Amino acid sequence: MNRPKTTPTGILAAACLALFGGAIVQAEMPAVPPPSIGTEELTIPKAMIRAYLSQVHPSYLRWLANGDGGAEDSLAAFELYLSMQPVNRFETWCYTQLYIRSH
């Protein structure tokens, strides 16, 4: 059987093509992010809704009336208020959603 002779230049060219060709293909095809849970799929626990209505929002309004958060009721002022409260990230998210829904 007669095989074609492979030259070192041909081997080097094939190796470069394999290395750089693969990188080009990967660069053109971005990775698909994993599916995430949309905010519409998360429900706020009823206990947190009650806490927001009976404690968090009234306390925020008192804080705002004392001039601590500025002159106006706004999402930015509410977020500032929450940043000073002992709440975790989920509670902050829930209270912010409730604030947005009520305004």
C-alpha atoms as a PDB file:
ATOM      1  CA  MET A   1       0.000   0.000   0.000  1.00  0.00           C
ATOM      2  CA  ASN A   2       1.331   3.372  -0.942  1.00  0.00           C
ATOM      3  CA  ARG A   3       0.705   5.981   1.672  1.00  0.00           C
ATOM      4  CA  PRO A   4       1.247   9.648   1.003  1.00  0.00           C
ATOM      5  CA  LYS A   5       4.214  10.994   2.879  1.00  0.00           C
ATOM      6  CA  THR A   6       3.385  13.259   5.795  1.00  0.00           C
ATOM      7  CA  THR A   7       5.749  16.133   6.240  1.00  0.00           C
ATOM      8  CA  PRO A   8       6.456  17.819   9.560  1.00  0.00           C
ATOM      9  CA  THR A   9       4.937  20.989   8.113  1.00  0.00           C
ATOM     10  CA  GLY A  10       1.720  19.121   7.299  1.00  0.00           C
ATOM     11  CA  ILE A  11       1.529  17.679  10.814  1.00  0.00           C
ATOM     12  CA  LEU A  12       2.116  21.127  12.318  1.00  0.00           C
ATOM     13  CA  ALA A  13      -0.553  22.677  10.082  1.00  0.00           C
ATOM     14  CA  ALA A  14      -3.070  19.972  11.027  1.00  0.00           C
ATOM     15  CA  ALA A  15      -2.318  20.434  14.741  1.00  0.00           C
ATOM     16  CA  CYS A  16      -2.709  24.216  14.494  1.00  0.00           C
ATOM     17  CA  LEU A  17      -5.966  23.846  12.597  1.00  0.00           C
ATOM     18  CA  ALA A  18      -7.296  21.453  15.221  1.00  0.00           C
ATOM     19  CA  LEU A  19      -6.288  23.744  18.093  1.00  0.00           C
ATOM     20  CA  PHE A  20      -7.297  27.087  16.655  1.00  0.00           C
ATOM     21  CA  GLY A  21     -10.244  25.819  14.651  1.00  0.00           C
ATOM     22  CA  GLY A  22     -11.808  24.410  17.812  1.00  0.00           C
ATOM     23  CA  ALA A  23     -11.275  27.691  19.640  1.00  0.00           C
ATOM     24  CA  ILE A  24     -12.954  29.634  16.842  1.00  0.00           C
ATOM     25  CA  VAL A  25     -15.983  27.353  16.857  1.00  0.00           C
ATOM     26  CA  GLN A  26     -16.306  27.637  20.631  1.00  0.00           C
ATOM     27  CA  ALA A  27     -16.004  31.405  20.497  1.00  0.00           C
ATOM     28  CA  GLU A  28     -18.796  31.704  17.937  1.00  0.00           C
ATOM     29  CA  MET A  29     -21.226  29.548  19.921  1.00  0.00           C
ATOM     30  CA  PRO A  30     -21.891  31.127  23.335  1.00  0.00           C
ATOM     31  CA  ALA A  31     -22.728  28.864  26.232  1.00  0.00           C
ATOM     32  CA  VAL A  32     -26.419  28.659  26.971  1.00  0.00           C
ATOM     33  CA  PRO A  33     -27.127  29.778  30.543  1.00  0.00           C
ATOM     34  CA  PRO A  34     -28.969  27.371  32.799  1.00  0.00           C
ATOM     35  CA  PRO A  35     -32.689  27.960  33.200  1.00  0.00           C
ATOM     36  CA  SER A  36     -33.572  30.227  36.077  1.00  0.00           C
ATOM     37  CA  ILE A  37     -36.656  30.795  38.137  1.00  0.00           C
ATOM     38  CA  GLY A  38     -38.493  33.907  37.073  1.00  0.00           C
ATOM     39  CA  THR A  39     -39.729  36.340  39.699  1.00  0.00           C
ATOM     40  CA  GLU A  40     -43.296  35.554  38.697  1.00  0.00           C
ATOM     41  CA  GLU A  41     -42.773  31.950  39.811  1.00  0.00           C
ATOM     42  CA  LEU A  42     -41.703  32.872  43.354  1.00  0.00           C
ATOM     43  CA  THR A  43     -44.458  33.375  45.869  1.00  0.00           C
ATOM     44  CA  ILE A  44     -44.153  35.563  48.900  1.00  0.00           C
ATOM     45  CA  PRO A  45     -45.100  33.728  52.110  1.00  0.00           C
ATOM     46  CA  LYS A  46     -48.272  35.009  53.755  1.00  0.00           C
ATOM     47  CA  ALA A  47     -46.434  35.638  57.017  1.00  0.00           C
ATOM     48  CA  MET A  48     -44.107  38.029  55.201  1.00  0.00           C
ATOM     49  CA  ILE A  49     -47.060  39.813  53.612  1.00  0.00           C
ATOM     50  CA  ARG A  50     -48.601  40.264  57.068  1.00  0.00           C
ATOM     51  CA  ALA A  51     -45.266  41.486  58.484  1.00  0.00           C
ATOM     52  CA  TYR A  52     -44.896  43.968  55.628  1.00  0.00           C
ATOM     53  CA  LEU A  53     -48.398  45.352  56.100  1.00  0.00           C
ATOM     54  CA  SER A  54     -48.342  45.489  59.900  1.00  0.00           C
ATOM     55  CA  GLN A  55     -44.703  46.279  60.709  1.00  0.00           C
ATOM     56  CA  VAL A  56     -42.311  46.971  57.841  1.00  0.00           C
ATOM     57  CA  HIS A  57     -44.293  49.492  55.795  1.00  0.00           C
ATOM     58  CA  PRO A  58     -45.671  51.446  58.795  1.00  0.00           C
ATOM     59  CA  SER A  59     -42.165  51.578  60.286  1.00  0.00           C
ATOM     60  CA  TYR A  60     -40.794  52.772  56.950  1.00  0.00           C
ATOM     61  CA  LEU A  61     -43.412  55.537  56.800  1.00  0.00           C
ATOM     62  CA  ARG A  62     -42.480  56.674  60.338  1.00  0.00           C
ATOM     63  CA  TRP A  63     -38.796  56.609  59.368  1.00  0.00           C
ATOM     64  CA  LEU A  64     -39.580  58.639  56.261  1.00  0.00           C
ATOM     65  CA  ALA A  65     -41.682  61.163  58.242  1.00  0.00           C
ATOM     66  CA  ASN A  66     -38.721  61.759  60.561  1.00  0.00           C
ATOM     67  CA  GLY A  67     -36.730  62.918  57.540  1.00  0.00           C
ATOM     68  CA  ASP A  68     -34.317  60.001  57.635  1.00  0.00           C
ATOM     69  CA  GLY A  69     -34.949  58.834  54.088  1.00  0.00           C
ATOM     70  CA  GLY A  70     -35.289  62.114  52.312  1.00  0.00           C
ATOM     71  CA  ALA A  71     -38.325  64.123  51.424  1.00  0.00           C
ATOM     72  CA  GLU A  72     -40.251  61.692  49.271  1.00  0.00           C
ATOM     73  CA  ASP A  73     -41.549  58.161  49.273  1.00  0.00           C
ATOM     74  CA  SER A  74     -39.649  56.274  46.580  1.00  0.00           C
ATOM     75  CA  LEU A  75     -38.257  52.858  45.798  1.00  0.00           C
ATOM     76  CA  ALA A  76     -34.745  54.174  46.448  1.00  0.00           C
ATOM     77  CA  ALA A  77     -35.776  55.446  49.900  1.00  0.00           C
ATOM     78  CA  PHE A  78     -37.455  52.129  50.708  1.00  0.00           C
ATOM     79  CA  GLU A  79     -34.363  50.196  49.635  1.00  0.00           C
ATOM     80  CA  LEU A  80     -32.224  52.476  51.816  1.00  0.00           C
ATOM     81  CA  TYR A  81     -34.543  51.796  54.742  1.00  0.00           C
ATOM     82  CA  LEU A  82     -34.334  48.042  54.166  1.00  0.00           C
ATOM     83  CA  SER A  83     -30.544  48.172  53.986  1.00  0.00           C
ATOM     84  CA  MET A  84     -30.513  49.375  57.593  1.00  0.00           C
ATOM     85  CA  GLN A  85     -32.858  46.639  58.832  1.00  0.00           C
ATOM     86  CA  PRO A  86     -31.870  43.169  60.044  1.00  0.00           C
ATOM     87  CA  VAL A  87     -33.363  41.321  57.060  1.00  0.00           C
ATOM     88  CA  ASN A  88     -31.817  38.710  54.775  1.00  0.00           C
ATOM     89  CA  ARG A  89     -31.707  38.910  50.982  1.00  0.00           C
ATOM     90  CA  PHE A  90     -34.908  36.906  50.480  1.00  0.00           C
ATOM     91  CA  GLU A  91     -36.826  39.100  52.916  1.00  0.00           C
ATOM     92  CA  THR A  92     -35.428  42.197  51.208  1.00  0.00           C
ATOM     93  CA  TRP A  93     -36.570  40.845  47.843  1.00  0.00           C
ATOM     94  CA  CYS A  94     -40.055  40.041  49.185  1.00  0.00           C
ATOM     95  CA  TYR A  95     -40.508  43.405  50.885  1.00  0.00           C
ATOM     96  CA  THR A  96     -39.299  45.221  47.781  1.00  0.00           C
ATOM     97  CA  GLN A  97     -41.776  43.295  45.609  1.00  0.00           C
ATOM     98  CA  LEU A  98     -44.584  44.131  48.033  1.00  0.00           C
ATOM     99  CA  TYR A  99     -43.557  47.798  48.025  1.00  0.00           C
ATOM    100  CA  ILE A 100     -43.559  47.874  44.217  1.00  0.00           C
ATOM    101  CA  ARG A 101     -46.963  46.165  44.041  1.00  0.00           C
ATOM    102  CA  SER A 102     -48.482  48.648  46.480  1.00  0.00           C
ATOM    103  CA  HIS A 103     -47.255  51.751  44.621  1.00  0.00           C
END
